[in-house]
Amino acid sequence: MINEMNTICQSCSMQMGTNDHGKNADGSRNDDYCKYCFPNGNFGKDETMEEMMESCIPFWVQGGKAETPEEAKKR
């Protein structure tokens, strides 16, 4: 069994709880990606790594992982 407290999305690095995991094409739980990055058996957005990082900055600041957008960008 996977330790829910240590499961991190391999795409956006969001810490995932029980209801945060993505879904595989067959509807089963995907343990590598979150529900935002991998909602239905494929990636939800077609974006570059740089674009994905930019879209995650507000969540890092709101979630307390960084104090400013500049700090989030450096991380």
PDB file of N, CA and C in Angstrom:
ATOM      1  N   MET A   1       0.843  -1.189   0.000  1.00  0.00           N
ATOM      2  CA  MET A   1       0.000   0.000   0.000  1.00  0.00           C
ATOM      3  C   MET A   1       0.882   1.244   0.000  1.00  0.00           C
ATOM      4  N   ILE A   2       0.473   2.241  -0.737  1.00  0.00           N
ATOM      5  CA  ILE A   2       1.239   3.479  -0.847  1.00  0.00           C
ATOM      6  C   ILE A   2       0.916   4.392   0.337  1.00  0.00           C
ATOM      7  N   ASN A   3       1.931   4.998   0.897  1.00  0.00           N
ATOM      8  CA  ASN A   3       1.756   5.948   1.986  1.00  0.00           C
ATOM      9  C   ASN A   3       1.208   7.247   1.400  1.00  0.00           C
ATOM     10  N   GLU A   4      -0.046   7.556   1.689  1.00  0.00           N
ATOM     11  CA  GLU A   4      -0.704   8.736   1.127  1.00  0.00           C
ATOM     12  C   GLU A   4       0.034  10.037   1.451  1.00  0.00           C
ATOM     13  N   MET A   5       0.689  10.123   2.571  1.00  0.00           N
ATOM     14  CA  MET A   5       1.354  11.360   2.968  1.00  0.00           C
ATOM     15  C   MET A   5       2.605  11.641   2.138  1.00  0.00           C
ATOM     16  N   ASN A   6       3.141  10.646   1.455  1.00  0.00           N
ATOM     17  CA  ASN A   6       4.367  10.834   0.689  1.00  0.00           C
ATOM     18  C   ASN A   6       4.153  10.745  -0.815  1.00  0.00           C
ATOM     19  N   THR A   7       2.909  10.723  -1.275  1.00  0.00           N
ATOM     20  CA  THR A   7       2.623  10.597  -2.692  1.00  0.00           C
ATOM     21  C   THR A   7       2.598  11.992  -3.310  1.00  0.00           C
ATOM     22  N   ILE A   8       3.485  12.202  -4.267  1.00  0.00           N
ATOM     23  CA  ILE A   8       3.605  13.506  -4.916  1.00  0.00           C
ATOM     24  C   ILE A   8       3.448  13.325  -6.416  1.00  0.00           C
ATOM     25  N   CYS A   9       2.661  14.196  -7.038  1.00  0.00           N
ATOM     26  CA  CYS A   9       2.467  14.139  -8.486  1.00  0.00           C
ATOM     27  C   CYS A   9       3.812  14.309  -9.193  1.00  0.00           C
ATOM     28  N   GLN A  10       4.097  13.400 -10.103  1.00  0.00           N
ATOM     29  CA  GLN A  10       5.361  13.417 -10.823  1.00  0.00           C
ATOM     30  C   GLN A  10       5.395  14.497 -11.903  1.00  0.00           C
ATOM     31  N   SER A  11       4.286  15.172 -12.123  1.00  0.00           N
ATOM     32  CA  SER A  11       4.242  16.249 -13.111  1.00  0.00           C
ATOM     33  C   SER A  11       4.336  17.625 -12.446  1.00  0.00           C
ATOM     34  N   CYS A  12       3.424  17.898 -11.502  1.00  0.00           N
ATOM     35  CA  CYS A  12       3.365  19.245 -10.908  1.00  0.00           C
ATOM     36  C   CYS A  12       3.909  19.319  -9.490  1.00  0.00           C
ATOM     37  N   SER A  13       4.213  18.195  -8.885  1.00  0.00           N
ATOM     38  CA  SER A  13       4.750  18.050  -7.530  1.00  0.00           C
ATOM     39  C   SER A  13       3.756  18.382  -6.417  1.00  0.00           C
ATOM     40  N   MET A  14       2.468  18.321  -6.727  1.00  0.00           N
ATOM     41  CA  MET A  14       1.443  18.497  -5.707  1.00  0.00           C
ATOM     42  C   MET A  14       1.432  17.270  -4.792  1.00  0.00           C
ATOM     43  N   GLN A  15       1.356  17.496  -3.483  1.00  0.00           N
ATOM     44  CA  GLN A  15       1.206  16.376  -2.559  1.00  0.00           C
ATOM     45  C   GLN A  15      -0.230  15.883  -2.680  1.00  0.00           C
ATOM     46  N   MET A  16      -0.390  14.573  -2.904  1.00  0.00           N
ATOM     47  CA  MET A  16      -1.713  14.015  -3.171  1.00  0.00           C
ATOM     48  C   MET A  16      -2.272  13.270  -1.979  1.00  0.00           C
ATOM     49  N   GLY A  17      -3.489  13.602  -1.628  1.00  0.00           N
ATOM     50  CA  GLY A  17      -4.237  12.856  -0.633  1.00  0.00           C
ATOM     51  C   GLY A  17      -5.048  11.770  -1.325  1.00  0.00           C
ATOM     52  N   THR A  18      -5.887  11.108  -0.583  1.00  0.00           N
ATOM     53  CA  THR A  18      -6.662   9.984  -1.090  1.00  0.00           C
ATOM     54  C   THR A  18      -7.480  10.332  -2.333  1.00  0.00           C
ATOM     55  N   ASN A  19      -8.082  11.499  -2.383  1.00  0.00           N
ATOM     56  CA  ASN A  19      -8.965  11.867  -3.488  1.00  0.00           C
ATOM     57  C   ASN A  19      -8.294  12.752  -4.536  1.00  0.00           C
ATOM     58  N   ASP A  20      -6.978  12.828  -4.524  1.00  0.00           N
ATOM     59  CA  ASP A  20      -6.265  13.726  -5.438  1.00  0.00           C
ATOM     60  C   ASP A  20      -5.591  13.013  -6.606  1.00  0.00           C
ATOM     61  N   HIS A  21      -5.655  11.700  -6.645  1.00  0.00           N
ATOM     62  CA  HIS A  21      -4.965  10.940  -7.693  1.00  0.00           C
ATOM     63  C   HIS A  21      -5.692  11.030  -9.030  1.00  0.00           C
ATOM     64  N   GLY A  22      -4.912  10.979 -10.105  1.00  0.00           N
ATOM     65  CA  GLY A  22      -5.481  10.950 -11.435  1.00  0.00           C
ATOM     66  C   GLY A  22      -6.115   9.600 -11.725  1.00  0.00           C
ATOM     67  N   LYS A  23      -6.717   9.507 -12.902  1.00  0.00           N
ATOM     68  CA  LYS A  23      -7.377   8.264 -13.325  1.00  0.00           C
ATOM     69  C   LYS A  23      -6.740   7.753 -14.606  1.00  0.00           C
ATOM     70  N   ASN A  24      -6.574   6.428 -14.673  1.00  0.00           N
ATOM     71  CA  ASN A  24      -6.125   5.785 -15.902  1.00  0.00           C
ATOM     72  C   ASN A  24      -7.300   5.689 -16.869  1.00  0.00           C
ATOM     73  N   ALA A  25      -7.028   5.327 -18.120  1.00  0.00           N
ATOM     74  CA  ALA A  25      -8.068   5.233 -19.140  1.00  0.00           C
ATOM     75  C   ALA A  25      -9.180   4.266 -18.745  1.00  0.00           C
ATOM     76  N   ASP A  26      -8.850   3.229 -17.967  1.00  0.00           N
ATOM     77  CA  ASP A  26      -9.860   2.256 -17.544  1.00  0.00           C
ATOM     78  C   ASP A  26     -10.595   2.677 -16.269  1.00  0.00           C
ATOM     79  N   GLY A  27     -10.304   3.899 -15.772  1.00  0.00           N
ATOM     80  CA  GLY A  27     -10.965   4.413 -14.577  1.00  0.00           C
ATOM     81  C   GLY A  27     -10.269   4.078 -13.281  1.00  0.00           C
ATOM     82  N   SER A  28      -9.225   3.268 -13.336  1.00  0.00           N
ATOM     83  CA  SER A  28      -8.483   2.929 -12.119  1.00  0.00           C
ATOM     84  C   SER A  28      -7.608   4.114 -11.688  1.00  0.00           C
ATOM     85  N   ARG A  29      -7.218   4.105 -10.444  1.00  0.00           N
ATOM     86  CA  ARG A  29      -6.414   5.183  -9.868  1.00  0.00           C
ATOM     87  C   ARG A  29      -5.000   5.169 -10.428  1.00  0.00           C
ATOM     88  N   ASN A  30      -4.494   6.332 -10.747  1.00  0.00           N
ATOM     89  CA  ASN A  30      -3.114   6.480 -11.190  1.00  0.00           C
ATOM     90  C   ASN A  30      -2.314   7.027 -10.017  1.00  0.00           C
ATOM     91  N   ASP A  31      -1.299   6.304  -9.585  1.00  0.00           N
ATOM     92  CA  ASP A  31      -0.524   6.712  -8.417  1.00  0.00           C
ATOM     93  C   ASP A  31       0.628   7.647  -8.731  1.00  0.00           C
ATOM     94  N   ASP A  32       0.875   7.936 -10.005  1.00  0.00           N
ATOM     95  CA  ASP A  32       1.994   8.807 -10.378  1.00  0.00           C
ATOM     96  C   ASP A  32       1.589  10.268 -10.576  1.00  0.00           C
ATOM     97  N   TYR A  33       0.344  10.500 -10.990  1.00  0.00           N
ATOM     98  CA  TYR A  33      -0.082  11.857 -11.353  1.00  0.00           C
ATOM     99  C   TYR A  33      -1.372  12.250 -10.638  1.00  0.00           C
ATOM    100  N   CYS A  34      -1.535  13.541 -10.399  1.00  0.00           N
ATOM    101  CA  CYS A  34      -2.725  14.050  -9.720  1.00  0.00           C
ATOM    102  C   CYS A  34      -3.908  14.170 -10.681  1.00  0.00           C
ATOM    103  N   LYS A  35      -5.073  14.439 -10.103  1.00  0.00           N
ATOM    104  CA  LYS A  35      -6.308  14.542 -10.880  1.00  0.00           C
ATOM    105  C   LYS A  35      -6.322  15.761 -11.795  1.00  0.00           C
ATOM    106  N   TYR A  36      -5.482  16.728 -11.533  1.00  0.00           N
ATOM    107  CA  TYR A  36      -5.426  17.911 -12.387  1.00  0.00           C
ATOM    108  C   TYR A  36      -4.517  17.682 -13.598  1.00  0.00           C
ATOM    109  N   CYS A  37      -3.437  16.959 -13.399  1.00  0.00           N
ATOM    110  CA  CYS A  37      -2.500  16.690 -14.495  1.00  0.00           C
ATOM    111  C   CYS A  37      -2.943  15.517 -15.366  1.00  0.00           C
ATOM    112  N   PHE A  38      -3.591  14.516 -14.775  1.00  0.00           N
ATOM    113  CA  PHE A  38      -3.904  13.272 -15.480  1.00  0.00           C
ATOM    114  C   PHE A  38      -5.330  12.840 -15.139  1.00  0.00           C
ATOM    115  N   PRO A  39      -6.339  13.581 -15.633  1.00  0.00           N
ATOM    116  CA  PRO A  39      -7.710  13.324 -15.195  1.00  0.00           C
ATOM    117  C   PRO A  39      -8.382  12.078 -15.766  1.00  0.00           C
ATOM    118  N   ASN A  40      -8.087  11.700 -17.006  1.00  0.00           N
ATOM    119  CA  ASN A  40      -8.840  10.615 -17.651  1.00  0.00           C
ATOM    120  C   ASN A  40      -7.978   9.727 -18.528  1.00  0.00           C
ATOM    121  N   GLY A  41      -6.836   9.329 -18.033  1.00  0.00           N
ATOM    122  CA  GLY A  41      -5.990   8.430 -18.805  1.00  0.00           C
ATOM    123  C   GLY A  41      -5.007   9.123 -19.716  1.00  0.00           C
ATOM    124  N   ASN A  42      -4.978  10.440 -19.662  1.00  0.00           N
ATOM    125  CA  ASN A  42      -3.977  11.204 -20.397  1.00  0.00           C
ATOM    126  C   ASN A  42      -3.817  12.564 -19.729  1.00  0.00           C
ATOM    127  N   PHE A  43      -2.793  13.278 -20.133  1.00  0.00           N
ATOM    128  CA  PHE A  43      -2.543  14.576 -19.518  1.00  0.00           C
ATOM    129  C   PHE A  43      -3.624  15.565 -19.928  1.00  0.00           C
ATOM    130  N   GLY A  44      -4.083  16.363 -18.969  1.00  0.00           N
ATOM    131  CA  GLY A  44      -5.188  17.283 -19.189  1.00  0.00           C
ATOM    132  C   GLY A  44      -4.843  18.501 -20.023  1.00  0.00           C
ATOM    133  N   LYS A  45      -3.585  18.881 -20.032  1.00  0.00           N
ATOM    134  CA  LYS A  45      -3.171  20.069 -20.781  1.00  0.00           C
ATOM    135  C   LYS A  45      -2.021  19.717 -21.709  1.00  0.00           C
ATOM    136  N   ASP A  46      -2.011  20.344 -22.846  1.00  0.00           N
ATOM    137  CA  ASP A  46      -0.897  20.204 -23.779  1.00  0.00           C
ATOM    138  C   ASP A  46      -0.029  21.445 -23.608  1.00  0.00           C
ATOM    139  N   GLU A  47       0.969  21.334 -22.741  1.00  0.00           N
ATOM    140  CA  GLU A  47       1.821  22.485 -22.458  1.00  0.00           C
ATOM    141  C   GLU A  47       3.257  22.034 -22.232  1.00  0.00           C
ATOM    142  N   THR A  48       4.156  22.963 -22.426  1.00  0.00           N
ATOM    143  CA  THR A  48       5.572  22.681 -22.205  1.00  0.00           C
ATOM    144  C   THR A  48       5.854  22.659 -20.703  1.00  0.00           C
ATOM    145  N   MET A  49       7.017  22.196 -20.339  1.00  0.00           N
ATOM    146  CA  MET A  49       7.418  22.184 -18.930  1.00  0.00           C
ATOM    147  C   MET A  49       7.413  23.606 -18.370  1.00  0.00           C
ATOM    148  N   GLU A  50       7.913  24.559 -19.145  1.00  0.00           N
ATOM    149  CA  GLU A  50       7.951  25.947 -18.682  1.00  0.00           C
ATOM    150  C   GLU A  50       6.547  26.495 -18.469  1.00  0.00           C
ATOM    151  N   GLU A  51       5.615  26.177 -19.381  1.00  0.00           N
ATOM    152  CA  GLU A  51       4.231  26.628 -19.235  1.00  0.00           C
ATOM    153  C   GLU A  51       3.580  25.994 -18.009  1.00  0.00           C
ATOM    154  N   MET A  52       3.851  24.726 -17.777  1.00  0.00           N
ATOM    155  CA  MET A  52       3.302  24.044 -16.618  1.00  0.00           C
ATOM    156  C   MET A  52       3.826  24.662 -15.332  1.00  0.00           C
ATOM    157  N   MET A  53       5.115  24.973 -15.310  1.00  0.00           N
ATOM    158  CA  MET A  53       5.694  25.598 -14.118  1.00  0.00           C
ATOM    159  C   MET A  53       5.036  26.944 -13.846  1.00  0.00           C
ATOM    160  N   GLU A  54       4.820  27.729 -14.877  1.00  0.00           N
ATOM    161  CA  GLU A  54       4.168  29.037 -14.714  1.00  0.00           C
ATOM    162  C   GLU A  54       2.743  28.881 -14.187  1.00  0.00           C
ATOM    163  N   SER A  55       2.018  27.890 -14.677  1.00  0.00           N
ATOM    164  CA  SER A  55       0.633  27.709 -14.229  1.00  0.00           C
ATOM    165  C   SER A  55       0.556  27.204 -12.791  1.00  0.00           C
ATOM    166  N   CYS A  56       1.631  26.591 -12.287  1.00  0.00           N
ATOM    167  CA  CYS A  56       1.648  26.069 -10.914  1.00  0.00           C
ATOM    168  C   CYS A  56       2.080  27.103  -9.883  1.00  0.00           C
ATOM    169  N   ILE A  57       2.708  28.169 -10.294  1.00  0.00           N
ATOM    170  CA  ILE A  57       3.226  29.177  -9.353  1.00  0.00           C
ATOM    171  C   ILE A  57       2.165  29.676  -8.377  1.00  0.00           C
ATOM    172  N   PRO A  58       0.968  30.061  -8.841  1.00  0.00           N
ATOM    173  CA  PRO A  58      -0.033  30.546  -7.871  1.00  0.00           C
ATOM    174  C   PRO A  58      -0.395  29.504  -6.810  1.00  0.00           C
ATOM    175  N   PHE A  59      -0.415  28.228  -7.184  1.00  0.00           N
ATOM    176  CA  PHE A  59      -0.752  27.175  -6.229  1.00  0.00           C
ATOM    177  C   PHE A  59       0.361  26.995  -5.197  1.00  0.00           C
ATOM    178  N   TRP A  60       1.604  27.169  -5.617  1.00  0.00           N
ATOM    179  CA  TRP A  60       2.730  27.076  -4.678  1.00  0.00           C
ATOM    180  C   TRP A  60       2.650  28.205  -3.653  1.00  0.00           C
ATOM    181  N   VAL A  61       2.316  29.400  -4.105  1.00  0.00           N
ATOM    182  CA  VAL A  61       2.228  30.544  -3.195  1.00  0.00           C
ATOM    183  C   VAL A  61       1.033  30.367  -2.261  1.00  0.00           C
ATOM    184  N   GLN A  62      -0.140  30.019  -2.814  1.00  0.00           N
ATOM    185  CA  GLN A  62      -1.342  29.824  -1.990  1.00  0.00           C
ATOM    186  C   GLN A  62      -1.167  28.685  -0.998  1.00  0.00           C
ATOM    187  N   GLY A  63      -0.458  27.642  -1.398  1.00  0.00           N
ATOM    188  CA  GLY A  63      -0.271  26.482  -0.536  1.00  0.00           C
ATOM    189  C   GLY A  63       0.849  26.624   0.473  1.00  0.00           C
ATOM    190  N   GLY A  64       1.568  27.749   0.431  1.00  0.00           N
ATOM    191  CA  GLY A  64       2.621  27.985   1.403  1.00  0.00           C
ATOM    192  C   GLY A  64       3.959  27.349   1.080  1.00  0.00           C
ATOM    193  N   LYS A  65       4.119  26.782  -0.126  1.00  0.00           N
ATOM    194  CA  LYS A  65       5.407  26.207  -0.511  1.00  0.00           C
ATOM    195  C   LYS A  65       6.411  27.287  -0.898  1.00  0.00           C
ATOM    196  N   ALA A  66       5.901  28.478  -1.206  1.00  0.00           N
ATOM    197  CA  ALA A  66       6.758  29.617  -1.553  1.00  0.00           C
ATOM    198  C   ALA A  66       6.052  30.887  -1.095  1.00  0.00           C
ATOM    199  N   GLU A  67       6.828  31.877  -0.704  1.00  0.00           N
ATOM    200  CA  GLU A  67       6.227  33.127  -0.233  1.00  0.00           C
ATOM    201  C   GLU A  67       5.879  34.070  -1.372  1.00  0.00           C
ATOM    202  N   THR A  68       6.638  34.005  -2.453  1.00  0.00           N
ATOM    203  CA  THR A  68       6.402  34.894  -3.589  1.00  0.00           C
ATOM    204  C   THR A  68       6.454  34.092  -4.900  1.00  0.00           C
ATOM    205  N   PRO A  69       5.904  34.648  -5.976  1.00  0.00           N
ATOM    206  CA  PRO A  69       6.033  33.979  -7.274  1.00  0.00           C
ATOM    207  C   PRO A  69       7.489  33.794  -7.683  1.00  0.00           C
ATOM    208  N   GLU A  70       8.332  34.730  -7.349  1.00  0.00           N
ATOM    209  CA  GLU A  70       9.748  34.630  -7.702  1.00  0.00           C
ATOM    210  C   GLU A  70      10.419  33.459  -6.979  1.00  0.00           C
ATOM    211  N   GLU A  71      10.068  33.276  -5.706  1.00  0.00           N
ATOM    212  CA  GLU A  71      10.611  32.152  -4.946  1.00  0.00           C
ATOM    213  C   GLU A  71      10.111  30.821  -5.536  1.00  0.00           C
ATOM    214  N   ALA A  72       8.832  30.776  -5.880  1.00  0.00           N
ATOM    215  CA  ALA A  72       8.274  29.556  -6.488  1.00  0.00           C
ATOM    216  C   ALA A  72       8.982  29.231  -7.799  1.00  0.00           C
ATOM    217  N   LYS A  73       9.261  30.255  -8.575  1.00  0.00           N
ATOM    218  CA  LYS A  73       9.939  30.043  -9.867  1.00  0.00           C
ATOM    219  C   LYS A  73      11.330  29.485  -9.665  1.00  0.00           C
ATOM    220  N   LYS A  74      12.031  29.958  -8.647  1.00  0.00           N
ATOM    221  CA  LYS A  74      13.384  29.462  -8.369  1.00  0.00           C
ATOM    222  C   LYS A  74      13.354  27.994  -7.945  1.00  0.00           C
ATOM    223  N   ARG A  75      12.338  27.622  -7.185  1.00  0.00           N
ATOM    224  CA  ARG A  75      12.227  26.242  -6.703  1.00  0.00           C
ATOM    225  C   ARG A  75      11.936  25.321  -7.844  1.00  0.00           C
TER     226      ARG A  75
END
